[in-house]
Amino acid sequence: MTETRRPRDTRESYDAIATDYEEYVRGDLEARPLERAMLAAFAESVRGTGHGRVADIGCGTGRVSAHLSDLGLDVLGVDLSPGMLERARNAYPDLRFHEGSMTDLSLGDGALGGVVSWYSLIHIEPEHVPGVLAEFHRVLAPGGRLLLAFQVGDEPLRLTEAFGRAVALDFHRWRPDRLAGLLVGAGFAVEARLVREAYPTERTPQAFLLARRPVGA
């Protein structure tokens, strides 16, 4: 299948800024207790299923994958950008990182106990999000958990420059209730949602949804 422009733009943009992005996000979780709390709740829920293998989809430079590994999970990082994956592999050589797209995961049905999409679903066009959520549902075992992180809002943001480099990146913001409705439509049960106000360096509030693939679904 011919690659469409937007995934190609996203990959090439993150390839271009990978080194600067790695420096920009280094240590960010240490200063964000609410984010750590959501990741901890996700990890505890997954461990409780007895199926500790998870995928960090859109893993970027790997710092969330590493944090999940520290929480006792068997983590596979997946990202569209070879440049970001190179940084992830260099920084965390003991973890596994694969190149791939969330629209067509090379994972078997029910292969995972958990999926994290940490500010990566935001790069998917809204009309394609239901299909991505269906793909997440497919690769999760019954009882498996899904954690989404995203910016709150209605209007998308398009960046044409980042870290002094030309990029073409679209950031699609979501209202939590709307995205929760899509999760339900994809067969998930929403367990928790958190919205926090924007930090001074952020443009919008941030949101997190924790969902479960019900047993028998």
N, C-alpha and C. Protein backbone atom coordinates (compact mmCIF):
# COMPACT_ATOMS: atom_id res chain seq x y z
N MET A 1 0.84 -1.20 0.00
CA MET A 1 0.00 0.00 0.00
C MET A 1 0.88 1.24 0.00
N THR A 2 0.53 2.23 -0.80
CA THR A 2 1.30 3.47 -0.85
C THR A 2 1.13 4.25 0.44
N GLU A 3 2.23 4.72 0.98
CA GLU A 3 2.19 5.46 2.23
C GLU A 3 1.57 6.84 2.00
N THR A 4 0.66 7.22 2.87
CA THR A 4 0.04 8.53 2.75
C THR A 4 0.97 9.61 3.31
N ARG A 5 0.67 10.84 2.98
CA ARG A 5 1.56 11.95 3.33
C ARG A 5 1.73 12.13 4.83
N ARG A 6 0.64 12.06 5.59
CA ARG A 6 0.74 12.42 7.01
C ARG A 6 1.64 11.48 7.81
N PRO A 7 1.50 10.15 7.69
CA PRO A 7 2.45 9.31 8.43
C PRO A 7 3.89 9.56 7.99
N ARG A 8 4.10 9.77 6.71
CA ARG A 8 5.46 10.04 6.23
C ARG A 8 5.98 11.35 6.82
N ASP A 9 5.14 12.39 6.84
CA ASP A 9 5.55 13.66 7.42
C ASP A 9 5.88 13.51 8.90
N THR A 10 5.06 12.74 9.62
CA THR A 10 5.29 12.54 11.05
C THR A 10 6.62 11.84 11.28
N ARG A 11 6.87 10.78 10.53
CA ARG A 11 8.12 10.05 10.69
C ARG A 11 9.33 10.93 10.37
N GLU A 12 9.27 11.61 9.24
CA GLU A 12 10.40 12.43 8.83
C GLU A 12 10.63 13.60 9.78
N SER A 13 9.56 14.15 10.32
CA SER A 13 9.70 15.26 11.27
C SER A 13 10.38 14.80 12.55
N TYR A 14 9.95 13.66 13.08
CA TYR A 14 10.58 13.18 14.31
C TYR A 14 12.00 12.68 14.06
N ASP A 15 12.27 12.15 12.88
CA ASP A 15 13.66 11.82 12.54
C ASP A 15 14.53 13.07 12.62
N ALA A 16 14.00 14.18 12.12
CA ALA A 16 14.78 15.41 12.05
C ALA A 16 15.07 16.01 13.42
N ILE A 17 14.17 15.82 14.37
CA ILE A 17 14.33 16.48 15.68
C ILE A 17 14.67 15.50 16.79
N ALA A 18 15.00 14.26 16.44
CA ALA A 18 15.14 13.22 17.46
C ALA A 18 16.15 13.59 18.54
N THR A 19 17.30 14.10 18.17
CA THR A 19 18.33 14.43 19.16
C THR A 19 17.86 15.54 20.09
N ASP A 20 17.28 16.59 19.53
CA ASP A 20 16.78 17.70 20.36
C ASP A 20 15.61 17.26 21.22
N TYR A 21 14.74 16.43 20.66
CA TYR A 21 13.57 15.96 21.42
C TYR A 21 14.01 15.11 22.61
N GLU A 22 15.00 14.26 22.40
CA GLU A 22 15.49 13.43 23.51
C GLU A 22 15.96 14.30 24.67
N GLU A 23 16.67 15.35 24.37
CA GLU A 23 17.14 16.26 25.41
C GLU A 23 15.98 17.00 26.06
N TYR A 24 15.00 17.38 25.28
CA TYR A 24 13.85 18.16 25.77
C TYR A 24 13.02 17.38 26.77
N VAL A 25 12.81 16.08 26.54
CA VAL A 25 11.93 15.30 27.41
C VAL A 25 12.68 14.55 28.51
N ARG A 26 14.01 14.61 28.48
CA ARG A 26 14.78 13.86 29.47
C ARG A 26 14.39 14.31 30.89
N GLY A 27 14.00 13.33 31.71
CA GLY A 27 13.68 13.61 33.11
C GLY A 27 12.33 14.24 33.34
N ASP A 28 11.48 14.35 32.29
CA ASP A 28 10.22 15.07 32.49
C ASP A 28 9.29 14.35 33.46
N LEU A 29 9.30 13.02 33.50
CA LEU A 29 8.41 12.30 34.41
C LEU A 29 8.75 12.55 35.87
N GLU A 30 10.00 12.86 36.15
CA GLU A 30 10.41 13.09 37.53
C GLU A 30 9.69 14.29 38.14
N ALA A 31 9.30 15.24 37.31
CA ALA A 31 8.64 16.45 37.80
C ALA A 31 7.13 16.40 37.62
N ARG A 32 6.57 15.21 37.28
CA ARG A 32 5.15 15.13 36.96
C ARG A 32 4.50 13.98 37.75
N PRO A 33 4.15 14.24 39.01
CA PRO A 33 3.62 13.17 39.85
C PRO A 33 2.29 12.58 39.36
N LEU A 34 1.44 13.38 38.75
CA LEU A 34 0.15 12.85 38.28
C LEU A 34 0.36 11.88 37.13
N GLU A 35 1.30 12.21 36.24
CA GLU A 35 1.61 11.28 35.15
C GLU A 35 2.16 9.97 35.71
N ARG A 36 3.07 10.07 36.67
CA ARG A 36 3.63 8.85 37.27
C ARG A 36 2.54 8.04 37.96
N ALA A 37 1.57 8.72 38.57
CA ALA A 37 0.48 8.01 39.24
C ALA A 37 -0.36 7.23 38.25
N MET A 38 -0.64 7.81 37.08
CA MET A 38 -1.42 7.09 36.07
C MET A 38 -0.65 5.90 35.52
N LEU A 39 0.64 6.08 35.29
CA LEU A 39 1.47 4.97 34.82
C LEU A 39 1.56 3.87 35.88
N ALA A 40 1.64 4.26 37.14
CA ALA A 40 1.70 3.27 38.22
C ALA A 40 0.39 2.49 38.32
N ALA A 41 -0.74 3.20 38.19
CA ALA A 41 -2.04 2.52 38.23
C ALA A 41 -2.18 1.55 37.07
N PHE A 42 -1.73 1.98 35.88
CA PHE A 42 -1.76 1.11 34.72
C PHE A 42 -0.92 -0.14 34.98
N ALA A 43 0.31 0.05 35.47
CA ALA A 43 1.21 -1.08 35.69
C ALA A 43 0.64 -2.05 36.72
N GLU A 44 0.09 -1.52 37.80
CA GLU A 44 -0.49 -2.40 38.82
C GLU A 44 -1.67 -3.18 38.27
N SER A 45 -2.50 -2.52 37.46
CA SER A 45 -3.65 -3.20 36.86
C SER A 45 -3.20 -4.32 35.93
N VAL A 46 -2.16 -4.05 35.13
CA VAL A 46 -1.66 -5.07 34.21
C VAL A 46 -1.05 -6.23 34.98
N ARG A 47 -0.26 -5.92 35.99
CA ARG A 47 0.35 -7.01 36.79
C ARG A 47 -0.72 -7.87 37.43
N GLY A 48 -1.84 -7.26 37.80
CA GLY A 48 -2.92 -8.01 38.42
C GLY A 48 -3.58 -9.01 37.51
N THR A 49 -3.42 -8.84 36.19
CA THR A 49 -3.98 -9.80 35.24
C THR A 49 -3.10 -11.02 35.08
N GLY A 50 -1.84 -10.95 35.56
CA GLY A 50 -0.90 -12.03 35.36
C GLY A 50 -0.29 -12.04 33.98
N HIS A 51 -0.52 -10.99 33.20
CA HIS A 51 -0.03 -10.90 31.82
C HIS A 51 0.73 -9.58 31.72
N GLY A 52 2.02 -9.62 32.06
CA GLY A 52 2.78 -8.37 32.20
C GLY A 52 3.43 -7.85 30.96
N ARG A 53 3.15 -8.41 29.78
CA ARG A 53 3.75 -7.90 28.56
C ARG A 53 2.93 -6.73 28.03
N VAL A 54 3.60 -5.61 27.78
CA VAL A 54 2.90 -4.42 27.30
C VAL A 54 3.65 -3.81 26.13
N ALA A 55 2.95 -3.02 25.34
CA ALA A 55 3.55 -2.27 24.24
C ALA A 55 3.36 -0.79 24.49
N ASP A 56 4.45 -0.05 24.35
CA ASP A 56 4.43 1.41 24.41
C ASP A 56 4.41 1.89 22.96
N ILE A 57 3.22 2.26 22.49
CA ILE A 57 3.01 2.56 21.08
C ILE A 57 3.26 4.05 20.83
N GLY A 58 4.22 4.33 19.96
CA GLY A 58 4.68 5.70 19.79
C GLY A 58 5.67 6.04 20.89
N CYS A 59 6.62 5.12 21.11
CA CYS A 59 7.50 5.19 22.28
C CYS A 59 8.53 6.30 22.20
N GLY A 60 8.75 6.86 21.01
CA GLY A 60 9.72 7.93 20.90
C GLY A 60 11.11 7.50 21.36
N THR A 61 11.71 8.29 22.22
CA THR A 61 13.07 8.01 22.68
C THR A 61 13.12 7.03 23.84
N GLY A 62 11.96 6.49 24.24
CA GLY A 62 11.95 5.34 25.14
C GLY A 62 11.85 5.61 26.62
N ARG A 63 11.66 6.88 27.03
CA ARG A 63 11.70 7.10 28.48
C ARG A 63 10.47 6.54 29.18
N VAL A 64 9.29 6.51 28.54
CA VAL A 64 8.12 5.89 29.17
C VAL A 64 8.27 4.38 29.18
N SER A 65 8.83 3.81 28.12
CA SER A 65 9.10 2.37 28.10
C SER A 65 9.99 1.99 29.28
N ALA A 66 11.04 2.78 29.50
CA ALA A 66 11.96 2.49 30.60
C ALA A 66 11.26 2.61 31.95
N HIS A 67 10.40 3.60 32.09
CA HIS A 67 9.67 3.77 33.35
C HIS A 67 8.75 2.58 33.60
N LEU A 68 8.07 2.11 32.56
CA LEU A 68 7.20 0.95 32.71
C LEU A 68 8.00 -0.30 33.06
N SER A 69 9.18 -0.43 32.48
CA SER A 69 10.04 -1.55 32.83
C SER A 69 10.44 -1.49 34.30
N ASP A 70 10.74 -0.29 34.78
CA ASP A 70 11.08 -0.13 36.20
C ASP A 70 9.90 -0.49 37.11
N LEU A 71 8.69 -0.39 36.58
CA LEU A 71 7.49 -0.75 37.33
C LEU A 71 7.16 -2.24 37.23
N GLY A 72 8.04 -3.00 36.62
CA GLY A 72 7.91 -4.45 36.63
C GLY A 72 7.23 -5.06 35.42
N LEU A 73 7.12 -4.30 34.33
CA LEU A 73 6.45 -4.81 33.14
C LEU A 73 7.46 -5.21 32.07
N ASP A 74 7.06 -6.17 31.24
CA ASP A 74 7.84 -6.62 30.10
C ASP A 74 7.43 -5.75 28.92
N VAL A 75 8.29 -4.82 28.50
CA VAL A 75 7.89 -3.75 27.60
C VAL A 75 8.50 -3.91 26.21
N LEU A 76 7.65 -3.68 25.21
CA LEU A 76 8.08 -3.55 23.83
C LEU A 76 7.74 -2.13 23.38
N GLY A 77 8.74 -1.38 22.93
CA GLY A 77 8.50 -0.04 22.40
C GLY A 77 8.33 -0.10 20.90
N VAL A 78 7.33 0.61 20.39
CA VAL A 78 7.05 0.64 18.95
C VAL A 78 6.96 2.10 18.52
N ASP A 79 7.63 2.44 17.42
CA ASP A 79 7.56 3.81 16.94
C ASP A 79 7.73 3.83 15.43
N LEU A 80 7.20 4.89 14.82
CA LEU A 80 7.25 5.08 13.38
C LEU A 80 8.60 5.62 12.92
N SER A 81 9.33 6.28 13.82
CA SER A 81 10.52 7.03 13.46
C SER A 81 11.81 6.26 13.75
N PRO A 82 12.58 5.90 12.73
CA PRO A 82 13.87 5.25 12.98
C PRO A 82 14.81 6.12 13.80
N GLY A 83 14.76 7.42 13.59
CA GLY A 83 15.63 8.31 14.34
C GLY A 83 15.34 8.28 15.84
N MET A 84 14.06 8.28 16.20
CA MET A 84 13.69 8.20 17.62
C MET A 84 14.08 6.83 18.19
N LEU A 85 13.88 5.78 17.42
CA LEU A 85 14.22 4.44 17.90
C LEU A 85 15.72 4.28 18.11
N GLU A 86 16.52 4.92 17.27
CA GLU A 86 17.96 4.86 17.47
C GLU A 86 18.35 5.43 18.83
N ARG A 87 17.73 6.55 19.19
CA ARG A 87 18.02 7.14 20.51
C ARG A 87 17.52 6.24 21.63
N ALA A 88 16.35 5.63 21.44
CA ALA A 88 15.81 4.74 22.46
C ALA A 88 16.73 3.54 22.69
N ARG A 89 17.19 2.94 21.60
CA ARG A 89 18.07 1.76 21.73
C ARG A 89 19.40 2.12 22.37
N ASN A 90 19.92 3.30 22.04
CA ASN A 90 21.18 3.72 22.66
C ASN A 90 21.02 3.99 24.15
N ALA A 91 19.89 4.59 24.52
CA ALA A 91 19.67 4.96 25.92
C ALA A 91 19.28 3.77 26.78
N TYR A 92 18.55 2.81 26.19
CA TYR A 92 18.02 1.69 26.96
C TYR A 92 18.32 0.37 26.21
N PRO A 93 19.57 -0.03 26.18
CA PRO A 93 19.95 -1.20 25.38
C PRO A 93 19.34 -2.51 25.86
N ASP A 94 18.85 -2.56 27.09
CA ASP A 94 18.26 -3.79 27.61
C ASP A 94 16.78 -3.94 27.24
N LEU A 95 16.19 -2.92 26.63
CA LEU A 95 14.78 -2.98 26.24
C LEU A 95 14.66 -3.26 24.74
N ARG A 96 13.47 -3.70 24.34
CA ARG A 96 13.21 -4.02 22.94
C ARG A 96 12.42 -2.88 22.29
N PHE A 97 12.87 -2.48 21.10
CA PHE A 97 12.21 -1.43 20.35
C PHE A 97 12.08 -1.86 18.90
N HIS A 98 10.86 -1.73 18.35
CA HIS A 98 10.58 -2.11 16.98
C HIS A 98 10.00 -0.94 16.20
N GLU A 99 10.33 -0.86 14.92
CA GLU A 99 9.71 0.13 14.06
C GLU A 99 8.35 -0.39 13.60
N GLY A 100 7.32 0.45 13.68
CA GLY A 100 6.00 0.02 13.27
C GLY A 100 4.99 1.13 13.42
N SER A 101 3.78 0.87 12.93
CA SER A 101 2.69 1.84 12.94
C SER A 101 1.54 1.33 13.79
N MET A 102 0.92 2.23 14.54
CA MET A 102 -0.20 1.85 15.38
C MET A 102 -1.44 1.50 14.56
N THR A 103 -1.45 1.85 13.30
CA THR A 103 -2.60 1.50 12.46
C THR A 103 -2.58 0.05 12.02
N ASP A 104 -1.43 -0.62 12.15
CA ASP A 104 -1.31 -2.01 11.71
C ASP A 104 -0.18 -2.66 12.49
N LEU A 105 -0.48 -3.04 13.72
CA LEU A 105 0.54 -3.59 14.62
C LEU A 105 0.89 -5.02 14.24
N SER A 106 2.18 -5.32 14.23
CA SER A 106 2.63 -6.68 13.91
C SER A 106 2.66 -7.52 15.18
N LEU A 107 1.49 -7.62 15.81
CA LEU A 107 1.32 -8.38 17.05
C LEU A 107 0.09 -9.26 16.90
N GLY A 108 0.13 -10.41 17.53
CA GLY A 108 -0.99 -11.33 17.43
C GLY A 108 -2.19 -10.90 18.24
N ASP A 109 -3.33 -11.47 17.93
CA ASP A 109 -4.55 -11.21 18.69
C ASP A 109 -4.35 -11.60 20.15
N GLY A 110 -4.72 -10.70 21.06
CA GLY A 110 -4.64 -11.01 22.49
C GLY A 110 -3.24 -11.21 23.00
N ALA A 111 -2.23 -10.63 22.33
CA ALA A 111 -0.83 -10.88 22.68
C ALA A 111 -0.36 -10.10 23.90
N LEU A 112 -1.09 -9.05 24.31
CA LEU A 112 -0.59 -8.12 25.31
C LEU A 112 -1.50 -8.03 26.52
N GLY A 113 -0.88 -7.72 27.65
CA GLY A 113 -1.64 -7.40 28.84
C GLY A 113 -1.92 -5.92 28.96
N GLY A 114 -1.20 -5.11 28.18
CA GLY A 114 -1.40 -3.67 28.25
C GLY A 114 -0.86 -2.95 27.04
N VAL A 115 -1.45 -1.81 26.74
CA VAL A 115 -1.00 -0.91 25.68
C VAL A 115 -0.99 0.50 26.24
N VAL A 116 0.10 1.22 25.99
CA VAL A 116 0.19 2.64 26.33
C VAL A 116 0.36 3.43 25.05
N SER A 117 -0.45 4.47 24.89
CA SER A 117 -0.28 5.44 23.80
C SER A 117 -0.09 6.80 24.48
N TRP A 118 1.16 7.14 24.72
CA TRP A 118 1.52 8.32 25.51
C TRP A 118 1.80 9.49 24.55
N TYR A 119 0.78 10.29 24.31
CA TYR A 119 0.89 11.42 23.37
C TYR A 119 1.33 10.95 21.98
N SER A 120 0.78 9.83 21.52
CA SER A 120 1.06 9.37 20.16
C SER A 120 -0.22 9.27 19.32
N LEU A 121 -1.33 8.93 19.94
CA LEU A 121 -2.61 8.92 19.22
C LEU A 121 -2.93 10.30 18.66
N ILE A 122 -2.35 11.32 19.24
CA ILE A 122 -2.60 12.70 18.81
C ILE A 122 -2.16 12.98 17.38
N HIS A 123 -1.31 12.13 16.82
CA HIS A 123 -0.85 12.34 15.46
C HIS A 123 -1.70 11.60 14.43
N ILE A 124 -2.75 10.94 14.87
CA ILE A 124 -3.66 10.23 13.98
C ILE A 124 -4.84 11.13 13.63
N GLU A 125 -5.19 11.19 12.35
CA GLU A 125 -6.36 11.96 11.96
C GLU A 125 -7.60 11.43 12.68
N PRO A 126 -8.47 12.32 13.19
CA PRO A 126 -9.61 11.88 14.00
C PRO A 126 -10.47 10.80 13.35
N GLU A 127 -10.64 10.87 12.03
CA GLU A 127 -11.48 9.87 11.37
C GLU A 127 -10.86 8.47 11.39
N HIS A 128 -9.54 8.40 11.63
CA HIS A 128 -8.87 7.10 11.69
C HIS A 128 -8.70 6.57 13.11
N VAL A 129 -9.03 7.38 14.11
CA VAL A 129 -8.84 6.96 15.50
C VAL A 129 -9.68 5.73 15.86
N PRO A 130 -10.95 5.61 15.46
CA PRO A 130 -11.69 4.39 15.79
C PRO A 130 -10.99 3.12 15.31
N GLY A 131 -10.38 3.18 14.12
CA GLY A 131 -9.67 2.02 13.62
C GLY A 131 -8.44 1.70 14.46
N VAL A 132 -7.75 2.72 14.93
CA VAL A 132 -6.58 2.49 15.79
C VAL A 132 -7.02 1.90 17.13
N LEU A 133 -8.10 2.41 17.71
CA LEU A 133 -8.60 1.85 18.97
C LEU A 133 -9.02 0.39 18.79
N ALA A 134 -9.60 0.07 17.63
CA ALA A 134 -9.95 -1.33 17.34
C ALA A 134 -8.70 -2.19 17.26
N GLU A 135 -7.61 -1.63 16.72
CA GLU A 135 -6.35 -2.37 16.66
C GLU A 135 -5.78 -2.59 18.06
N PHE A 136 -5.87 -1.59 18.92
CA PHE A 136 -5.44 -1.76 20.31
C PHE A 136 -6.27 -2.86 20.99
N HIS A 137 -7.57 -2.83 20.75
CA HIS A 137 -8.46 -3.84 21.34
C HIS A 137 -8.06 -5.24 20.85
N ARG A 138 -7.72 -5.35 19.59
CA ARG A 138 -7.36 -6.66 19.01
C ARG A 138 -6.13 -7.27 19.68
N VAL A 139 -5.11 -6.45 19.92
CA VAL A 139 -3.85 -7.01 20.44
C VAL A 139 -3.88 -7.21 21.95
N LEU A 140 -4.90 -6.68 22.62
CA LEU A 140 -5.01 -6.86 24.07
C LEU A 140 -5.73 -8.16 24.41
N ALA A 141 -5.21 -8.86 25.41
CA ALA A 141 -5.91 -10.01 25.94
C ALA A 141 -7.13 -9.54 26.73
N PRO A 142 -8.16 -10.35 26.86
CA PRO A 142 -9.28 -9.99 27.73
C PRO A 142 -8.78 -9.61 29.13
N GLY A 143 -9.27 -8.50 29.63
CA GLY A 143 -8.80 -7.97 30.91
C GLY A 143 -7.63 -7.03 30.77
N GLY A 144 -7.03 -6.94 29.57
CA GLY A 144 -5.89 -6.06 29.36
C GLY A 144 -6.26 -4.60 29.46
N ARG A 145 -5.26 -3.77 29.78
CA ARG A 145 -5.48 -2.33 30.00
C ARG A 145 -4.88 -1.48 28.89
N LEU A 146 -5.54 -0.34 28.66
CA LEU A 146 -5.08 0.66 27.70
C LEU A 146 -5.00 2.00 28.42
N LEU A 147 -3.85 2.68 28.27
CA LEU A 147 -3.68 4.01 28.85
C LEU A 147 -3.37 5.00 27.73
N LEU A 148 -4.18 6.05 27.65
CA LEU A 148 -4.00 7.11 26.66
C LEU A 148 -3.64 8.42 27.36
N ALA A 149 -2.69 9.15 26.77
CA ALA A 149 -2.36 10.50 27.23
C ALA A 149 -2.49 11.43 26.03
N PHE A 150 -3.09 12.62 26.26
CA PHE A 150 -3.35 13.51 25.15
C PHE A 150 -3.62 14.92 25.66
N GLN A 151 -3.56 15.89 24.73
CA GLN A 151 -3.89 17.26 25.08
C GLN A 151 -5.40 17.49 24.93
N VAL A 152 -5.94 18.34 25.78
CA VAL A 152 -7.37 18.63 25.78
C VAL A 152 -7.65 19.83 24.87
N GLY A 153 -8.69 19.71 24.07
CA GLY A 153 -9.09 20.82 23.23
C GLY A 153 -9.91 20.36 22.05
N ASP A 154 -10.24 21.30 21.19
CA ASP A 154 -11.05 21.03 20.01
C ASP A 154 -10.30 21.28 18.71
N GLU A 155 -9.43 22.28 18.71
CA GLU A 155 -8.74 22.64 17.48
C GLU A 155 -7.36 22.00 17.43
N PRO A 156 -6.98 21.44 16.28
CA PRO A 156 -5.65 20.86 16.15
C PRO A 156 -4.57 21.94 16.10
N LEU A 157 -3.37 21.52 16.43
CA LEU A 157 -2.20 22.39 16.32
C LEU A 157 -1.30 21.83 15.22
N ARG A 158 -0.85 22.70 14.34
CA ARG A 158 0.10 22.28 13.31
C ARG A 158 1.41 23.02 13.51
N LEU A 159 2.49 22.27 13.62
CA LEU A 159 3.82 22.85 13.75
C LEU A 159 4.57 22.71 12.44
N THR A 160 5.17 23.81 12.01
CA THR A 160 6.02 23.78 10.81
C THR A 160 7.49 24.00 11.17
N GLU A 161 7.74 24.25 12.46
CA GLU A 161 9.12 24.44 12.93
C GLU A 161 9.21 23.95 14.37
N ALA A 162 10.28 23.24 14.67
CA ALA A 162 10.55 22.78 16.03
C ALA A 162 12.05 22.63 16.21
N PHE A 163 12.56 23.18 17.30
CA PHE A 163 13.99 23.12 17.60
C PHE A 163 14.83 23.68 16.44
N GLY A 164 14.27 24.69 15.77
CA GLY A 164 14.99 25.32 14.68
C GLY A 164 15.02 24.53 13.39
N ARG A 165 14.17 23.49 13.29
CA ARG A 165 14.15 22.66 12.09
C ARG A 165 12.74 22.68 11.49
N ALA A 166 12.68 22.53 10.17
CA ALA A 166 11.39 22.47 9.48
C ALA A 166 10.74 21.12 9.75
N VAL A 167 9.46 21.15 10.16
CA VAL A 167 8.71 19.93 10.41
C VAL A 167 7.30 20.10 9.84
N ALA A 168 6.57 19.00 9.81
CA ALA A 168 5.15 19.03 9.42
C ALA A 168 4.42 18.09 10.37
N LEU A 169 4.05 18.61 11.53
CA LEU A 169 3.45 17.79 12.59
C LEU A 169 2.07 18.33 12.96
N ASP A 170 1.09 17.45 12.95
CA ASP A 170 -0.26 17.78 13.40
C ASP A 170 -0.51 17.14 14.76
N PHE A 171 -1.02 17.95 15.70
CA PHE A 171 -1.36 17.48 17.04
C PHE A 171 -2.87 17.63 17.19
N HIS A 172 -3.58 16.51 17.26
CA HIS A 172 -5.03 16.53 17.38
C HIS A 172 -5.42 16.44 18.85
N ARG A 173 -6.09 17.48 19.32
CA ARG A 173 -6.54 17.52 20.71
C ARG A 173 -7.91 16.88 20.82
N TRP A 174 -8.24 16.43 22.03
CA TRP A 174 -9.50 15.72 22.25
C TRP A 174 -10.16 16.19 23.54
N ARG A 175 -11.48 16.20 23.54
CA ARG A 175 -12.23 16.30 24.78
C ARG A 175 -12.32 14.89 25.37
N PRO A 176 -12.04 14.74 26.66
CA PRO A 176 -12.03 13.40 27.25
C PRO A 176 -13.32 12.62 27.04
N ASP A 177 -14.47 13.29 27.16
CA ASP A 177 -15.73 12.57 26.98
C ASP A 177 -15.87 12.02 25.56
N ARG A 178 -15.41 12.79 24.58
CA ARG A 178 -15.51 12.33 23.20
C ARG A 178 -14.62 11.11 22.96
N LEU A 179 -13.38 11.17 23.44
CA LEU A 179 -12.48 10.04 23.24
C LEU A 179 -12.94 8.83 24.06
N ALA A 180 -13.48 9.07 25.25
CA ALA A 180 -14.02 7.96 26.04
C ALA A 180 -15.17 7.28 25.30
N GLY A 181 -15.99 8.07 24.61
CA GLY A 181 -17.07 7.48 23.82
C GLY A 181 -16.56 6.59 22.70
N LEU A 182 -15.47 7.00 22.07
CA LEU A 182 -14.87 6.16 21.03
C LEU A 182 -14.29 4.88 21.62
N LEU A 183 -13.75 4.97 22.82
CA LEU A 183 -13.24 3.77 23.49
C LEU A 183 -14.37 2.77 23.73
N VAL A 184 -15.48 3.26 24.23
CA VAL A 184 -16.63 2.39 24.46
C VAL A 184 -17.09 1.77 23.15
N GLY A 185 -17.13 2.58 22.10
CA GLY A 185 -17.53 2.08 20.80
C GLY A 185 -16.60 1.01 20.26
N ALA A 186 -15.32 1.04 20.68
CA ALA A 186 -14.35 0.04 20.25
C ALA A 186 -14.36 -1.21 21.13
N GLY A 187 -15.24 -1.23 22.14
CA GLY A 187 -15.36 -2.41 22.99
C GLY A 187 -14.68 -2.31 24.33
N PHE A 188 -14.18 -1.12 24.68
CA PHE A 188 -13.49 -0.94 25.96
C PHE A 188 -14.46 -0.49 27.05
N ALA A 189 -14.08 -0.76 28.29
CA ALA A 189 -14.74 -0.18 29.46
C ALA A 189 -13.78 0.85 30.05
N VAL A 190 -14.23 2.09 30.18
CA VAL A 190 -13.38 3.15 30.73
C VAL A 190 -13.38 3.04 32.25
N GLU A 191 -12.18 2.94 32.81
CA GLU A 191 -12.04 2.77 34.27
C GLU A 191 -11.73 4.07 35.00
N ALA A 192 -10.98 4.95 34.37
CA ALA A 192 -10.58 6.19 35.06
C ALA A 192 -10.23 7.25 34.04
N ARG A 193 -10.42 8.50 34.45
CA ARG A 193 -9.98 9.62 33.63
C ARG A 193 -9.43 10.70 34.55
N LEU A 194 -8.39 11.37 34.07
CA LEU A 194 -7.76 12.43 34.83
C LEU A 194 -7.49 13.59 33.89
N VAL A 195 -7.86 14.80 34.31
CA VAL A 195 -7.54 16.01 33.58
C VAL A 195 -6.79 16.93 34.53
N ARG A 196 -5.64 17.38 34.12
CA ARG A 196 -4.91 18.35 34.93
C ARG A 196 -4.73 19.64 34.14
N GLU A 197 -4.60 20.72 34.86
CA GLU A 197 -4.41 22.02 34.22
C GLU A 197 -3.03 22.10 33.56
N ALA A 198 -2.91 22.99 32.60
CA ALA A 198 -1.66 23.13 31.88
C ALA A 198 -0.57 23.71 32.78
N TYR A 199 0.63 23.18 32.62
CA TYR A 199 1.81 23.80 33.22
C TYR A 199 2.16 25.06 32.43
N PRO A 200 2.99 25.94 32.98
CA PRO A 200 3.33 27.17 32.26
C PRO A 200 3.93 26.94 30.88
N THR A 201 4.57 25.81 30.68
CA THR A 201 5.19 25.52 29.38
C THR A 201 4.24 24.86 28.40
N GLU A 202 2.98 24.62 28.80
CA GLU A 202 2.03 23.90 27.96
C GLU A 202 0.94 24.85 27.45
N ARG A 203 0.37 24.49 26.31
CA ARG A 203 -0.67 25.32 25.70
C ARG A 203 -2.07 24.98 26.19
N THR A 204 -2.29 23.73 26.63
CA THR A 204 -3.63 23.26 26.97
C THR A 204 -3.57 22.36 28.21
N PRO A 205 -4.73 22.10 28.85
CA PRO A 205 -4.77 21.05 29.86
C PRO A 205 -4.40 19.69 29.24
N GLN A 206 -4.03 18.76 30.10
CA GLN A 206 -3.61 17.42 29.68
C GLN A 206 -4.57 16.39 30.27
N ALA A 207 -4.81 15.32 29.53
CA ALA A 207 -5.78 14.31 29.98
C ALA A 207 -5.23 12.90 29.82
N PHE A 208 -5.78 11.99 30.64
CA PHE A 208 -5.35 10.60 30.67
C PHE A 208 -6.59 9.73 30.84
N LEU A 209 -6.70 8.71 30.03
CA LEU A 209 -7.80 7.75 30.12
C LEU A 209 -7.24 6.36 30.31
N LEU A 210 -7.76 5.65 31.30
CA LEU A 210 -7.38 4.26 31.54
C LEU A 210 -8.62 3.40 31.24
N ALA A 211 -8.45 2.43 30.35
CA ALA A 211 -9.57 1.60 29.91
C ALA A 211 -9.18 0.12 29.97
N ARG A 212 -10.19 -0.73 29.91
CA ARG A 212 -9.99 -2.18 30.01
C ARG A 212 -10.73 -2.88 28.88
N ARG A 213 -10.09 -3.90 28.31
CA ARG A 213 -10.83 -4.80 27.42
C ARG A 213 -11.55 -5.80 28.31
N PRO A 214 -12.86 -5.75 28.37
CA PRO A 214 -13.58 -6.65 29.28
C PRO A 214 -13.35 -8.12 28.93
N VAL A 215 -13.37 -8.95 29.93
CA VAL A 215 -13.30 -10.38 29.71
C VAL A 215 -14.55 -10.80 28.93
N GLY A 216 -14.34 -11.54 27.87
CA GLY A 216 -15.46 -11.96 27.04
C GLY A 216 -15.74 -11.01 25.90
N ALA A 217 -14.99 -9.89 25.82
CA ALA A 217 -15.21 -8.92 24.73
C ALA A 217 -14.12 -9.03 23.69
